[in-house]
C-alpha atoms as a PDB file:
ATOM      1  CA  MET A   1     -89.488   3.004 -27.012  1.00  0.00           C
ATOM      2  CA  ALA A   2     -91.810   5.971 -27.342  1.00  0.00           C
ATOM      3  CA  GLY A   3     -94.547   6.985 -24.960  1.00  0.00           C
ATOM      4  CA  ARG A   4     -98.072   5.829 -25.706  1.00  0.00           C
ATOM      5  CA  PHE A   5     -99.912   8.381 -27.871  1.00  0.00           C
ATOM      6  CA  THR A   6    -103.487   7.552 -28.863  1.00  0.00           C
ATOM      7  CA  PRO A   7    -106.839   9.192 -29.553  1.00  0.00           C
ATOM      8  CA  ARG A   8    -108.481   9.751 -26.200  1.00  0.00           C
ATOM      9  CA  THR A   9    -111.210   7.228 -25.351  1.00  0.00           C
ATOM     10  CA  THR A  10    -111.111   7.385 -21.556  1.00  0.00           C
ATOM     11  CA  GLY A  11    -110.036   9.839 -18.917  1.00  0.00           C
ATOM     12  CA  PRO A  12    -111.394  13.104 -17.593  1.00  0.00           C
ATOM     13  CA  ARG A  13    -113.613  15.278 -19.724  1.00  0.00           C
ATOM     14  CA  ILE A  14    -111.913  18.547 -20.646  1.00  0.00           C
ATOM     15  CA  PRO A  15    -114.777  20.934 -21.404  1.00  0.00           C
ATOM     16  CA  THR A  16    -114.394  24.070 -23.478  1.00  0.00           C
ATOM     17  CA  PRO A  17    -116.077  27.183 -22.103  1.00  0.00           C
ATOM     18  CA  ARG A  18    -117.217  28.630 -25.444  1.00  0.00           C
ATOM     19  CA  THR A  19    -117.304  26.197 -28.332  1.00  0.00           C
ATOM     20  CA  ALA A  20    -117.946  22.627 -29.350  1.00  0.00           C
ATOM     21  CA  ALA A  21    -115.489  19.911 -28.400  1.00  0.00           C
ATOM     22  CA  GLY A  22    -112.165  19.938 -30.195  1.00  0.00           C
ATOM     23  CA  LYS A  23    -109.893  17.148 -31.328  1.00  0.00           C
ATOM     24  CA  THR A  24    -108.538  15.013 -28.502  1.00  0.00           C
ATOM     25  CA  ARG A  25    -105.539  12.841 -27.673  1.00  0.00           C
ATOM     26  CA  ALA A  26    -104.186  11.016 -24.662  1.00  0.00           C
ATOM     27  CA  TRP A  27    -100.481  10.417 -24.173  1.00  0.00           C
ATOM     28  CA  THR A  28     -98.640   8.461 -21.481  1.00  0.00           C
ATOM     29  CA  PRO A  29     -94.947   9.444 -21.175  1.00  0.00           C
ATOM     30  CA  ARG A  30     -92.418   6.650 -21.004  1.00  0.00           C
ATOM     31  CA  ARG A  31     -90.287   8.361 -18.343  1.00  0.00           C
ATOM     32  CA  GLY A  32     -92.987   8.742 -15.738  1.00  0.00           C
ATOM     33  CA  PRO A  33     -95.429  11.564 -14.952  1.00  0.00           C
ATOM     34  CA  VAL A  34     -94.731  15.073 -16.249  1.00  0.00           C
ATOM     35  CA  ASP A  35     -95.217  18.184 -14.133  1.00  0.00           C
ATOM     36  CA  LEU A  36     -97.148  20.455 -16.491  1.00  0.00           C
ATOM     37  CA  SER A  37     -96.436  23.631 -14.564  1.00  0.00           C
ATOM     38  CA  LEU A  38     -92.679  23.069 -14.421  1.00  0.00           C
ATOM     39  CA  THR A  39     -92.402  21.828 -18.003  1.00  0.00           C
ATOM     40  CA  LEU A  40     -94.614  24.366 -19.756  1.00  0.00           C
ATOM     41  CA  GLY A  41     -94.064  27.258 -17.322  1.00  0.00           C
ATOM     42  CA  PRO A  42     -91.165  28.791 -19.308  1.00  0.00           C
ATOM     43  CA  LEU A  43     -93.603  29.413 -22.186  1.00  0.00           C
ATOM     44  CA  ARG A  44     -95.611  31.830 -20.066  1.00  0.00           C
ATOM     45  CA  ARG A  45     -94.688  35.502 -20.426  1.00  0.00           C
ATOM     46  CA  GLY A  46     -96.070  36.971 -17.245  1.00  0.00           C
ATOM     47  CA  PRO A  47     -99.258  36.360 -15.237  1.00  0.00           C
ATOM     48  CA  ALA A  48    -101.501  38.058 -17.838  1.00  0.00           C
ATOM     49  CA  ASP A  49     -99.998  36.428 -20.947  1.00  0.00           C
ATOM     50  CA  PRO A  50    -102.875  36.236 -23.468  1.00  0.00           C
ATOM     51  CA  THR A  51    -101.339  33.099 -25.028  1.00  0.00           C
ATOM     52  CA  TYR A  52    -101.063  31.048 -21.805  1.00  0.00           C
ATOM     53  CA  ARG A  53    -103.394  30.321 -18.917  1.00  0.00           C
ATOM     54  CA  THR A  54    -103.671  27.848 -16.051  1.00  0.00           C
ATOM     55  CA  THR A  55    -106.865  26.827 -14.296  1.00  0.00           C
ATOM     56  CA  PRO A  56    -107.444  25.745 -10.685  1.00  0.00           C
ATOM     57  CA  ASP A  57    -107.603  22.069 -11.681  1.00  0.00           C
ATOM     58  CA  GLY A  58    -103.986  22.265 -12.907  1.00  0.00           C
ATOM     59  CA  SER A  59    -104.812  22.318 -16.622  1.00  0.00           C
ATOM     60  CA  VAL A  60    -102.741  24.442 -18.967  1.00  0.00           C
ATOM     61  CA  TRP A  61    -104.177  26.361 -21.923  1.00  0.00           C
ATOM     62  CA  ARG A  62    -101.826  27.472 -24.720  1.00  0.00           C
ATOM     63  CA  THR A  63    -102.314  29.212 -28.037  1.00  0.00           C
ATOM     64  CA  SER A  64     -99.911  28.982 -30.960  1.00  0.00           C
ATOM     65  CA  ARG A  65     -99.476  30.128 -34.535  1.00  0.00           C
ATOM     66  CA  THR A  66     -98.660  26.721 -36.021  1.00  0.00           C
ATOM     67  CA  PRO A  67     -97.567  25.962 -39.607  1.00  0.00           C
ATOM     68  CA  ALA A  68    -101.153  24.778 -40.188  1.00  0.00           C
ATOM     69  CA  GLY A  69    -102.759  27.886 -38.705  1.00  0.00           C
ATOM     70  CA  PRO A  70    -103.896  29.228 -35.331  1.00  0.00           C
ATOM     71  CA  ALA A  71    -104.628  26.739 -32.568  1.00  0.00           C
ATOM     72  CA  THR A  72    -105.520  26.427 -28.910  1.00  0.00           C
ATOM     73  CA  LEU A  73    -104.429  23.513 -26.735  1.00  0.00           C
ATOM     74  CA  ARG A  74    -105.675  22.497 -23.327  1.00  0.00           C
ATOM     75  CA  VAL A  75    -103.782  19.756 -21.504  1.00  0.00           C
ATOM     76  CA  ALA A  76    -104.435  18.133 -18.140  1.00  0.00           C
ATOM     77  CA  ALA A  77    -102.429  15.427 -16.358  1.00  0.00           C
ATOM     78  CA  ARG A  78    -104.223  12.601 -14.554  1.00  0.00           C
ATOM     79  CA  GLN A  79    -102.591   9.498 -13.065  1.00  0.00           C
ATOM     80  CA  GLY A  80     -99.510   9.748 -15.260  1.00  0.00           C
ATOM     81  CA  THR A  81    -101.348  10.397 -18.539  1.00  0.00           C
ATOM     82  CA  ALA A  82    -101.693  13.704 -20.371  1.00  0.00           C
ATOM     83  CA  TYR A  83    -105.171  14.369 -21.773  1.00  0.00           C
ATOM     84  CA  ALA A  84    -105.284  17.059 -24.442  1.00  0.00           C
ATOM     85  CA  GLU A  85    -107.916  18.814 -26.485  1.00  0.00           C
ATOM     86  CA  ALA A  86    -107.232  21.273 -29.302  1.00  0.00           C
ATOM     87  CA  TRP A  87    -109.174  23.681 -31.490  1.00  0.00           C
ATOM     88  CA  GLY A  88    -108.498  25.646 -34.656  1.00  0.00           C
ATOM     89  CA  GLU A  89    -106.818  25.049 -37.992  1.00  0.00           C
ATOM     90  CA  GLY A  90    -103.623  23.970 -36.256  1.00  0.00           C
ATOM     91  CA  ALA A  91    -105.305  21.619 -33.765  1.00  0.00           C
ATOM     92  CA  GLU A  92    -103.952  18.417 -35.310  1.00  0.00           C
ATOM     93  CA  TRP A  93    -100.442  19.893 -35.492  1.00  0.00           C
ATOM     94  CA  MET A  94    -100.590  20.855 -31.808  1.00  0.00           C
ATOM     95  CA  LEU A  95    -101.710  17.373 -30.788  1.00  0.00           C
ATOM     96  CA  GLU A  96     -98.965  15.751 -32.840  1.00  0.00           C
ATOM     97  CA  GLN A  97     -96.475  18.054 -31.116  1.00  0.00           C
ATOM     98  CA  LEU A  98     -97.801  17.221 -27.639  1.00  0.00           C
ATOM     99  CA  PRO A  99     -95.200  14.540 -26.703  1.00  0.00           C
ATOM    100  CA  ALA A 100     -92.264  16.795 -27.661  1.00  0.00           C
ATOM    101  CA  MET A 101     -93.883  19.736 -25.886  1.00  0.00           C
ATOM    102  CA  LEU A 102     -94.122  17.621 -22.731  1.00  0.00           C
ATOM    103  CA  GLY A 103     -90.527  16.422 -22.901  1.00  0.00           C
ATOM    104  CA  GLU A 104     -90.605  13.159 -24.850  1.00  0.00           C
ATOM    105  CA  LEU A 105     -87.366  14.155 -26.615  1.00  0.00           C
ATOM    106  CA  ASP A 106     -85.752  15.342 -23.402  1.00  0.00           C
ATOM    107  CA  GLU A 107     -83.205  13.097 -21.669  1.00  0.00           C
ATOM    108  CA  PRO A 108     -83.396  13.780 -17.916  1.00  0.00           C
ATOM    109  CA  GLU A 109     -81.768  10.419 -17.217  1.00  0.00           C
ATOM    110  CA  ALA A 110     -78.550  11.771 -18.776  1.00  0.00           C
ATOM    111  CA  PHE A 111     -78.277  14.323 -15.974  1.00  0.00           C
ATOM    112  CA  THR A 112     -75.978  13.602 -13.016  1.00  0.00           C
ATOM    113  CA  PRO A 113     -76.028  16.175 -10.191  1.00  0.00           C
ATOM    114  CA  ARG A 114     -72.550  17.256  -9.062  1.00  0.00           C
ATOM    115  CA  HIS A 115     -73.566  19.528  -6.183  1.00  0.00           C
ATOM    116  CA  ARG A 116     -75.743  18.872  -3.165  1.00  0.00           C
ATOM    117  CA  LEU A 117     -78.024  21.829  -3.912  1.00  0.00           C
ATOM    118  CA  VAL A 118     -78.557  20.681  -7.495  1.00  0.00           C
ATOM    119  CA  ALA A 119     -79.136  17.099  -6.402  1.00  0.00           C
ATOM    120  CA  GLU A 120     -81.808  18.190  -3.936  1.00  0.00           C
ATOM    121  CA  ALA A 121     -83.582  20.354  -6.527  1.00  0.00           C
ATOM    122  CA  HIS A 122     -83.411  17.481  -9.021  1.00  0.00           C
ATOM    123  CA  ARG A 123     -84.819  14.991  -6.511  1.00  0.00           C
ATOM    124  CA  ASN A 124     -87.663  17.311  -5.500  1.00  0.00           C
ATOM    125  CA  ARG A 125     -88.813  17.875  -9.101  1.00  0.00           C
ATOM    126  CA  PRO A 126     -89.006  14.470 -10.807  1.00  0.00           C
ATOM    127  CA  GLY A 127     -91.655  15.737 -13.236  1.00  0.00           C
ATOM    128  CA  LEU A 128     -89.480  18.473 -14.754  1.00  0.00           C
ATOM    129  CA  ARG A 129     -88.921  18.081 -18.484  1.00  0.00           C
ATOM    130  CA  LEU A 130     -87.462  20.503 -21.015  1.00  0.00           C
ATOM    131  CA  THR A 131     -90.190  21.472 -23.452  1.00  0.00           C
ATOM    132  CA  ARG A 132     -89.774  21.557 -27.219  1.00  0.00           C
ATOM    133  CA  THR A 133     -92.468  23.591 -28.969  1.00  0.00           C
ATOM    134  CA  GLY A 134     -91.102  23.191 -32.484  1.00  0.00           C
ATOM    135  CA  LEU A 135     -91.818  26.886 -33.121  1.00  0.00           C
ATOM    136  CA  VAL A 136     -89.150  29.579 -33.208  1.00  0.00           C
ATOM    137  CA  LEU A 137     -90.884  32.926 -33.695  1.00  0.00           C
ATOM    138  CA  GLU A 138     -93.311  32.461 -30.796  1.00  0.00           C
ATOM    139  CA  SER A 139     -90.319  32.315 -28.422  1.00  0.00           C
ATOM    140  CA  LEU A 140     -87.991  34.593 -30.370  1.00  0.00           C
ATOM    141  CA  ILE A 141     -90.252  37.662 -30.435  1.00  0.00           C
ATOM    142  CA  PRO A 142     -90.983  37.833 -26.694  1.00  0.00           C
ATOM    143  CA  SER A 143     -87.294  37.153 -26.011  1.00  0.00           C
ATOM    144  CA  VAL A 144     -86.369  40.157 -28.153  1.00  0.00           C
ATOM    145  CA  LEU A 145     -88.901  42.240 -26.217  1.00  0.00           C
ATOM    146  CA  GLU A 146     -87.143  41.200 -22.987  1.00  0.00           C
ATOM    147  CA  GLN A 147     -83.757  42.525 -24.095  1.00  0.00           C
ATOM    148  CA  LYS A 148     -82.275  44.956 -21.541  1.00  0.00           C
ATOM    149  CA  VAL A 149     -85.582  45.915 -19.909  1.00  0.00           C
ATOM    150  CA  THR A 150     -87.457  44.765 -16.819  1.00  0.00           C
ATOM    151  CA  THR A 151     -89.709  41.753 -17.138  1.00  0.00           C
ATOM    152  CA  ILE A 152     -92.660  43.980 -16.274  1.00  0.00           C
ATOM    153  CA  GLU A 153     -91.961  46.160 -19.339  1.00  0.00           C
ATOM    154  CA  ALA A 154     -91.430  43.164 -21.608  1.00  0.00           C
ATOM    155  CA  TYR A 155     -94.550  41.336 -20.416  1.00  0.00           C
ATOM    156  CA  ARG A 156     -96.648  44.466 -20.892  1.00  0.00           C
ATOM    157  CA  ALA A 157     -95.356  44.943 -24.443  1.00  0.00           C
ATOM    158  CA  TRP A 158     -96.039  41.317 -25.379  1.00  0.00           C
ATOM    159  CA  ARG A 159     -99.528  41.492 -23.878  1.00  0.00           C
ATOM    160  CA  LEU A 160    -100.489  44.723 -25.646  1.00  0.00           C
ATOM    161  CA  LEU A 161     -99.099  43.744 -29.044  1.00  0.00           C
ATOM    162  CA  VAL A 162    -100.646  40.269 -29.075  1.00  0.00           C
ATOM    163  CA  ARG A 163    -104.046  41.540 -27.995  1.00  0.00           C
ATOM    164  CA  ARG A 164    -104.073  44.355 -30.524  1.00  0.00           C
ATOM    165  CA  HIS A 165    -102.549  42.625 -33.543  1.00  0.00           C
ATOM    166  CA  GLY A 166    -103.258  38.938 -32.892  1.00  0.00           C
ATOM    167  CA  GLU A 167    -106.631  37.221 -33.102  1.00  0.00           C
ATOM    168  CA  PRO A 168    -109.005  35.647 -30.562  1.00  0.00           C
ATOM    169  CA  ALA A 169    -107.914  32.068 -29.904  1.00  0.00           C
ATOM    170  CA  PRO A 170    -110.226  29.338 -31.255  1.00  0.00           C
ATOM    171  CA  GLY A 171    -112.078  27.441 -28.523  1.00  0.00           C
ATOM    172  CA  ALA A 172    -110.255  29.275 -25.733  1.00  0.00           C
ATOM    173  CA  PRO A 173    -111.575  31.174 -22.723  1.00  0.00           C
ATOM    174  CA  GLU A 174    -112.394  34.838 -23.271  1.00  0.00           C
ATOM    175  CA  GLY A 175    -109.275  37.006 -23.345  1.00  0.00           C
ATOM    176  CA  MET A 176    -106.913  34.493 -24.937  1.00  0.00           C
ATOM    177  CA  TYR A 177    -105.295  35.366 -28.262  1.00  0.00           C
ATOM    178  CA  VAL A 178    -103.091  33.798 -30.924  1.00  0.00           C
ATOM    179  CA  MET A 179    -100.032  35.890 -31.666  1.00  0.00           C
ATOM    180  CA  PRO A 180     -99.834  37.690 -35.051  1.00  0.00           C
ATOM    181  CA  ASP A 181     -98.374  35.884 -38.040  1.00  0.00           C
ATOM    182  CA  ALA A 182     -95.113  37.108 -39.582  1.00  0.00           C
ATOM    183  CA  ARG A 183     -96.838  39.439 -42.020  1.00  0.00           C
ATOM    184  CA  ALA A 184     -98.953  41.031 -39.285  1.00  0.00           C
ATOM    185  CA  TRP A 185     -95.855  41.636 -37.143  1.00  0.00           C
ATOM    186  CA  ALA A 186     -94.148  43.269 -40.123  1.00  0.00           C
ATOM    187  CA  LEU A 187     -97.097  45.622 -40.640  1.00  0.00           C
ATOM    188  CA  ILE A 188     -97.210  46.983 -37.092  1.00  0.00           C
ATOM    189  CA  PRO A 189     -96.548  50.734 -37.430  1.00  0.00           C
ATOM    190  CA  SER A 190     -93.810  52.441 -35.437  1.00  0.00           C
ATOM    191  CA  TRP A 191     -96.252  54.322 -33.191  1.00  0.00           C
ATOM    192  CA  GLU A 192     -97.846  51.043 -32.073  1.00  0.00           C
ATOM    193  CA  TRP A 193     -94.465  49.724 -30.964  1.00  0.00           C
ATOM    194  CA  HIS A 194     -93.862  53.012 -29.160  1.00  0.00           C
ATOM    195  CA  ARG A 195     -97.268  52.858 -27.478  1.00  0.00           C
ATOM    196  CA  ALA A 196     -96.378  49.372 -26.198  1.00  0.00           C
ATOM    197  CA  GLY A 197     -93.142  50.720 -24.728  1.00  0.00           C
ATOM    198  CA  VAL A 198     -90.840  49.049 -27.267  1.00  0.00           C
ATOM    199  CA  ASP A 199     -87.884  51.106 -28.472  1.00  0.00           C
ATOM    200  CA  SER A 200     -86.810  51.129 -32.107  1.00  0.00           C
ATOM    201  CA  LYS A 201     -83.818  48.847 -31.514  1.00  0.00           C
ATOM    202  CA  ARG A 202     -86.027  45.974 -30.353  1.00  0.00           C
ATOM    203  CA  SER A 203     -88.841  46.597 -32.835  1.00  0.00           C
ATOM    204  CA  ASP A 204     -86.339  46.756 -35.704  1.00  0.00           C
ATOM    205  CA  THR A 205     -84.906  43.409 -34.586  1.00  0.00           C
ATOM    206  CA  VAL A 206     -88.366  41.830 -34.624  1.00  0.00           C
ATOM    207  CA  MET A 207     -89.005  43.311 -38.082  1.00  0.00           C
ATOM    208  CA  ARG A 208     -85.775  41.837 -39.438  1.00  0.00           C
ATOM    209  CA  ALA A 209     -86.594  38.420 -37.972  1.00  0.00           C
ATOM    210  CA  VAL A 210     -90.156  38.163 -39.289  1.00  0.00           C
ATOM    211  CA  ARG A 211     -89.052  39.127 -42.793  1.00  0.00           C
ATOM    212  CA  VAL A 212     -87.071  35.863 -42.861  1.00  0.00           C
ATOM    213  CA  ALA A 213     -89.527  33.898 -40.729  1.00  0.00           C
ATOM    214  CA  ARG A 214     -89.198  30.715 -42.782  1.00  0.00           C
ATOM    215  CA  ARG A 215     -85.423  30.708 -42.337  1.00  0.00           C
ATOM    216  CA  MET A 216     -85.845  31.267 -38.618  1.00  0.00           C
ATOM    217  CA  GLU A 217     -88.240  28.331 -38.283  1.00  0.00           C
ATOM    218  CA  GLU A 218     -85.739  26.076 -40.074  1.00  0.00           C
ATOM    219  CA  ALA A 219     -83.620  26.263 -36.915  1.00  0.00           C
ATOM    220  CA  VAL A 220     -85.949  23.673 -35.365  1.00  0.00           C
ATOM    221  CA  GLY A 221     -84.325  21.000 -37.521  1.00  0.00           C
ATOM    222  CA  MET A 222     -80.760  21.917 -36.508  1.00  0.00           C
ATOM    223  CA  ASP A 223     -78.622  21.055 -33.529  1.00  0.00           C
ATOM    224  CA  ALA A 224     -78.455  23.747 -30.867  1.00  0.00           C
ATOM    225  CA  VAL A 225     -75.126  25.252 -31.944  1.00  0.00           C
ATOM    226  CA  LYS A 226     -76.073  25.610 -35.606  1.00  0.00           C
ATOM    227  CA  ALA A 227     -79.549  26.838 -34.653  1.00  0.00           C
ATOM    228  CA  ALA A 228     -78.037  29.556 -32.463  1.00  0.00           C
ATOM    229  CA  GLU A 229     -75.740  30.572 -35.301  1.00  0.00           C
ATOM    230  CA  ARG A 230     -78.737  30.797 -37.638  1.00  0.00           C
ATOM    231  CA  LEU A 231     -80.648  33.076 -35.277  1.00  0.00           C
ATOM    232  CA  GLN A 232     -77.626  35.287 -34.642  1.00  0.00           C
ATOM    233  CA  LEU A 233     -77.329  36.103 -38.333  1.00  0.00           C
ATOM    234  CA  ILE A 234     -80.082  38.639 -37.630  1.00  0.00           C
ATOM    235  CA  PRO A 235     -78.619  41.943 -36.335  1.00  0.00           C
ATOM    236  CA  GLY A 236     -79.934  42.515 -32.826  1.00  0.00           C
ATOM    237  CA  ILE A 237     -80.077  38.825 -31.922  1.00  0.00           C
ATOM    238  CA  GLY A 238     -77.151  37.759 -29.777  1.00  0.00           C
ATOM    239  CA  PRO A 239     -76.294  34.739 -27.613  1.00  0.00           C
ATOM    240  CA  TRP A 240     -78.759  35.735 -24.848  1.00  0.00           C
ATOM    241  CA  THR A 241     -81.759  35.939 -27.174  1.00  0.00           C
ATOM    242  CA  ALA A 242     -80.758  32.832 -29.129  1.00  0.00           C
ATOM    243  CA  ALA A 243     -80.437  30.774 -25.941  1.00  0.00           C
ATOM    244  CA  GLU A 244     -83.729  31.996 -24.482  1.00  0.00           C
ATOM    245  CA  THR A 245     -85.460  31.121 -27.754  1.00  0.00           C
ATOM    246  CA  LEU A 246     -83.941  27.722 -28.380  1.00  0.00           C
ATOM    247  CA  GLN A 247     -84.333  26.498 -24.820  1.00  0.00           C
ATOM    248  CA  ARG A 248     -88.060  26.619 -25.556  1.00  0.00           C
ATOM    249  CA  ALA A 249     -88.226  25.907 -29.287  1.00  0.00           C
ATOM    250  CA  ILE A 250     -85.915  22.867 -29.430  1.00  0.00           C
ATOM    251  CA  GLY A 251     -85.422  21.944 -25.768  1.00  0.00           C
ATOM    252  CA  ALA A 252     -81.718  22.845 -25.872  1.00  0.00           C
ATOM    253  CA  ALA A 253     -80.501  21.176 -22.677  1.00  0.00           C
ATOM    254  CA  ASP A 254     -76.946  22.514 -22.917  1.00  0.00           C
ATOM    255  CA  LEU A 255     -77.538  26.061 -24.166  1.00  0.00           C
ATOM    256  CA  VAL A 256     -76.708  28.458 -21.323  1.00  0.00           C
ATOM    257  CA  THR A 257     -78.123  31.982 -21.202  1.00  0.00           C
ATOM    258  CA  VAL A 258     -74.997  34.147 -21.282  1.00  0.00           C
ATOM    259  CA  GLY A 259     -75.172  37.918 -21.108  1.00  0.00           C
ATOM    260  CA  ASP A 260     -77.869  37.870 -18.440  1.00  0.00           C
ATOM    261  CA  LEU A 261     -77.829  40.540 -15.750  1.00  0.00           C
ATOM    262  CA  HIS A 262     -78.628  38.197 -12.866  1.00  0.00           C
ATOM    263  CA  LEU A 263     -77.923  34.566 -13.828  1.00  0.00           C
ATOM    264  CA  PRO A 264     -74.105  34.513 -13.360  1.00  0.00           C
ATOM    265  CA  GLY A 265     -74.483  35.899  -9.847  1.00  0.00           C
ATOM    266  CA  ILE A 266     -77.186  33.381  -8.968  1.00  0.00           C
ATOM    267  CA  ILE A 267     -75.113  30.445 -10.282  1.00  0.00           C
ATOM    268  CA  GLY A 268     -71.968  31.785  -8.641  1.00  0.00           C
ATOM    269  CA  HIS A 269     -73.715  32.280  -5.303  1.00  0.00           C
ATOM    270  CA  ALA A 270     -75.332  28.822  -5.381  1.00  0.00           C
ATOM    271  CA  LEU A 271     -72.278  26.805  -6.408  1.00  0.00           C
ATOM    272  CA  ALA A 272     -69.318  28.837  -5.138  1.00  0.00           C
ATOM    273  CA  GLY A 273     -70.610  31.484  -2.745  1.00  0.00           C
ATOM    274  CA  ASN A 274     -69.681  34.229  -5.219  1.00  0.00           C
ATOM    275  CA  ARG A 275     -72.566  36.512  -6.047  1.00  0.00           C
ATOM    276  CA  ASP A 276     -70.269  38.641  -8.242  1.00  0.00           C
ATOM    277  CA  ALA A 277     -69.509  35.866 -10.731  1.00  0.00           C
ATOM    278  CA  ASP A 278     -69.404  36.815 -14.409  1.00  0.00           C
ATOM    279  CA  ASP A 279     -70.277  34.754 -17.467  1.00  0.00           C
ATOM    280  CA  ALA A 280     -66.833  33.143 -17.608  1.00  0.00           C
ATOM    281  CA  GLU A 281     -67.048  31.932 -14.001  1.00  0.00           C
ATOM    282  CA  MET A 282     -70.631  30.777 -14.481  1.00  0.00           C
ATOM    283  CA  LEU A 283     -69.619  28.662 -17.461  1.00  0.00           C
ATOM    284  CA  ALA A 284     -66.679  27.243 -15.530  1.00  0.00           C
ATOM    285  CA  LEU A 285     -68.961  26.289 -12.627  1.00  0.00           C
ATOM    286  CA  LEU A 286     -71.404  24.617 -15.008  1.00  0.00           C
ATOM    287  CA  GLU A 287     -68.691  22.717 -16.888  1.00  0.00           C
ATOM    288  CA  PRO A 288     -69.311  19.478 -14.880  1.00  0.00           C
ATOM    289  CA  TYR A 289     -72.806  19.501 -16.409  1.00  0.00           C
ATOM    290  CA  ALA A 290     -71.604  19.694 -20.021  1.00  0.00           C
ATOM    291  CA  GLY A 291     -74.436  18.529 -22.247  1.00  0.00           C
ATOM    292  CA  GLN A 292     -77.007  19.455 -19.595  1.00  0.00           C
ATOM    293  CA  ARG A 293     -75.914  22.924 -18.475  1.00  0.00           C
ATOM    294  CA  HIS A 294     -79.258  24.583 -19.100  1.00  0.00           C
ATOM    295  CA  ARG A 295     -81.003  21.937 -16.995  1.00  0.00           C
ATOM    296  CA  ALA A 296     -78.510  22.513 -14.177  1.00  0.00           C
ATOM    297  CA  ALA A 297     -79.099  26.271 -14.336  1.00  0.00           C
ATOM    298  CA  ARG A 298     -82.853  25.736 -14.343  1.00  0.00           C
ATOM    299  CA  LEU A 299     -82.657  23.530 -11.252  1.00  0.00           C
ATOM    300  CA  ILE A 300     -80.531  26.106  -9.458  1.00  0.00           C
ATOM    301  CA  LEU A 301     -83.126  28.777 -10.211  1.00  0.00           C
ATOM    302  CA  LEU A 302     -85.903  26.480  -8.996  1.00  0.00           C
ATOM    303  CA  SER A 303     -84.010  25.803  -5.760  1.00  0.00           C
ATOM    304  CA  GLY A 304     -84.627  29.396  -4.689  1.00  0.00           C
ATOM    305  CA  HIS A 305     -81.020  29.678  -3.498  1.00  0.00           C
ATOM    306  CA  THR A 306     -80.475  33.232  -4.710  1.00  0.00           C
ATOM    307  CA  PRO A 307     -78.332  35.980  -3.164  1.00  0.00           C
ATOM    308  CA  PRO A 308     -80.124  38.689  -1.146  1.00  0.00           C
ATOM    309  CA  ARG A 309     -80.688  41.994  -2.915  1.00  0.00           C
ATOM    310  CA  ARG A 310     -78.157  44.760  -2.478  1.00  0.00           C
ATOM    311  CA  ALA A 311     -80.070  47.401  -4.431  1.00  0.00           C
ATOM    312  CA  PRO A 312     -83.700  48.222  -5.226  1.00  0.00           C
ATOM    313  CA  ARG A 313     -85.308  46.578  -8.218  1.00  0.00           C
ATOM    314  CA  MET A 314     -84.892  48.294 -11.567  1.00  0.00           C
ATOM    315  CA  GLN A 315     -87.896  50.501 -12.129  1.00  0.00           C
ATOM    316  CA  PRO A 316     -89.916  49.974 -15.324  1.00  0.00           C
ATOM    317  CA  ARG A 317     -89.698  52.767 -17.876  1.00  0.00           C
ATOM    318  CA  ASP A 318     -92.645  53.952 -19.888  1.00  0.00           C
ATOM    319  CA  ILE A 319     -91.518  55.460 -23.180  1.00  0.00           C
ATOM    320  CA  ALA A 320     -95.061  55.732 -24.576  1.00  0.00           C
ATOM    321  CA  PRO A 321     -95.625  59.326 -23.368  1.00  0.00           C
ATOM    322  CA  LEU A 322     -92.302  60.491 -24.850  1.00  0.00           C
END
């Protein structure tokens, strides 16, 4: 039984600050209310992400480069129903994608906590769902930018490149942009990547991916293992980048982020008191959650049960002046 998904006729008005009203939908999930912040939060790349914004009333604004064209979505949750409004050529596509984006295809009921800490985090966040955007490049490119650098560096690069080479988002608040299409990414000159602080290894990886953008997007129709294999055919895309991408693009509940600098230690500390755990131990600790390992890892991160720092934070590098 699917959630109820109808044109909006009642519910709160969602005004747009700049343009006429967009297309609207209302959707009531079948598994109970969805927490928009928890569910859509992983799509945000830093507090100044030009493709994502939240407002004080709890609404979430998102922009996307859909197969039908650029689009902006605003979604608000009221009394268990999601009310959405969308603008742009891809507005209808975004509204059709709304249930999957809010976790309709997720299966939280299949998750059984095996540790007290995980059980508590699970109980305290009943509205958590794993999003499924149905778009690969919009998660793949920022994930490539995050390879082996601080999040501050990666967020800055994403922000600068989208603002300079994307386009103003239709119907969105001032300062929101739709990311470039594949051709526009491919045409970014080397000095623009350098100015954004992106080294040639990462920019070359993005270039290789966008040249086969259609093949990358086909991963949406595959299971997680085959989709990860498809992405990793591109030199420069490994298991870390594939997992980070597919967790968002297809809601891969079992795809664990291996190769991360911090995650094994966080999982090891939370479940076994070992902050020095490596990928192998992390995977062994998550084995009881087979089929839902990414959800378990996400809940552990949300629990805040992380080991205290032993060293200062990595300092951002700025290669632009070099």
